Amino acid sequence: MDRENIKFRILRYIHDHPNAGDTIEGIVQWWIDGDVGSADVEEVVRELVVENELCEKRVGKRRVYGSPDKMCK
């Protein structure tokens, strides 16, 4: 799966589930639901955080990603 498709699936998921928040592993399993490596997803997620399309929140030792409008306000 290419990076644009990963990005599209993440943005569609967050649009459909605005209160969602998950780790990279959860995003791979539940948001994308495809055969894709976590390293590729992590790169796309980092780009989306920089572009303010996702936010990152620390929960204990984990990093959770979600909607900047819902999760990080």
Protein backbone atom coordinates (compact mmCIF):
# COMPACT_ATOMS: atom_id res chain seq x y z
CA MET A 1 0.00 0.00 0.00
CA ASP A 2 1.44 3.38 -0.95
CA ARG A 3 1.75 6.35 1.39
CA GLU A 4 -1.10 8.31 -0.20
CA ASN A 5 -3.46 5.39 0.33
CA ILE A 6 -2.34 5.08 3.96
CA LYS A 7 -2.89 8.80 4.47
CA PHE A 8 -6.33 8.64 2.84
CA ARG A 9 -7.42 5.74 5.05
CA ILE A 10 -6.21 7.43 8.23
CA LEU A 11 -7.95 10.71 7.39
CA ARG A 12 -11.16 8.90 6.39
CA TYR A 13 -11.14 6.95 9.66
CA ILE A 14 -10.63 10.06 11.79
CA HIS A 15 -13.39 11.82 9.83
CA ASP A 16 -15.79 8.92 10.44
CA HIS A 17 -14.68 8.43 14.07
CA PRO A 18 -13.69 11.89 15.37
CA ASN A 19 -13.30 10.69 18.97
CA ALA A 20 -10.92 7.88 18.01
CA GLY A 21 -7.42 7.70 19.39
CA ASP A 22 -4.92 4.89 19.00
CA THR A 23 -1.29 3.85 18.91
CA ILE A 24 0.57 3.13 15.68
CA GLU A 25 -0.16 -0.57 16.16
CA GLY A 26 -3.87 0.12 16.65
CA ILE A 27 -3.95 2.38 13.61
CA VAL A 28 -2.41 -0.40 11.50
CA GLN A 29 -4.89 -2.98 12.80
CA TRP A 30 -8.14 -1.04 13.12
CA TRP A 31 -7.96 2.16 11.08
CA ILE A 32 -6.18 0.90 7.97
CA ASP A 33 -7.19 -2.77 8.11
CA GLY A 34 -4.61 -3.69 5.54
CA ASP A 35 -1.35 -5.43 4.96
CA VAL A 36 1.01 -2.57 5.68
CA GLY A 37 4.10 -2.18 7.82
CA SER A 38 3.98 -0.14 11.00
CA ALA A 39 7.08 1.83 9.91
CA ASP A 40 5.22 3.13 6.83
CA VAL A 41 2.20 4.05 8.94
CA GLU A 42 4.39 5.77 11.52
CA GLU A 43 5.99 7.94 8.82
CA VAL A 44 2.59 9.00 7.49
CA VAL A 45 1.25 9.65 11.01
CA ARG A 46 4.25 11.86 11.80
CA GLU A 47 3.58 13.87 8.63
CA LEU A 48 -0.08 14.24 9.61
CA VAL A 49 0.94 15.49 13.06
CA VAL A 50 3.21 18.12 11.47
CA GLU A 51 0.35 19.12 9.14
CA ASN A 52 -2.00 19.34 12.18
CA GLU A 53 -4.29 16.67 10.71
CA LEU A 54 -3.60 14.46 13.75
CA CYS A 55 -2.30 15.16 17.21
CA GLU A 56 -0.06 13.13 19.46
CA LYS A 57 -0.78 12.65 23.13
CA ARG A 58 1.30 10.77 25.68
CA VAL A 59 -0.60 8.23 27.74
CA GLY A 60 1.84 6.66 30.13
CA LYS A 61 4.68 5.36 27.98
CA ARG A 62 2.54 5.17 24.86
CA ARG A 63 1.90 7.70 22.13
CA VAL A 64 -1.72 7.95 21.07
CA TYR A 65 -2.84 9.72 17.91
CA GLY A 66 -6.21 11.24 17.17
CA SER A 67 -8.13 14.26 15.99
CA PRO A 68 -6.57 17.58 17.00
CA ASP A 69 -10.09 18.98 17.44
CA LYS A 70 -11.19 16.30 19.88
CA MET A 71 -8.22 14.64 21.53
CA CYS A 72 -5.76 17.47 22.05
CA LYS A 73 -7.93 20.41 23.04
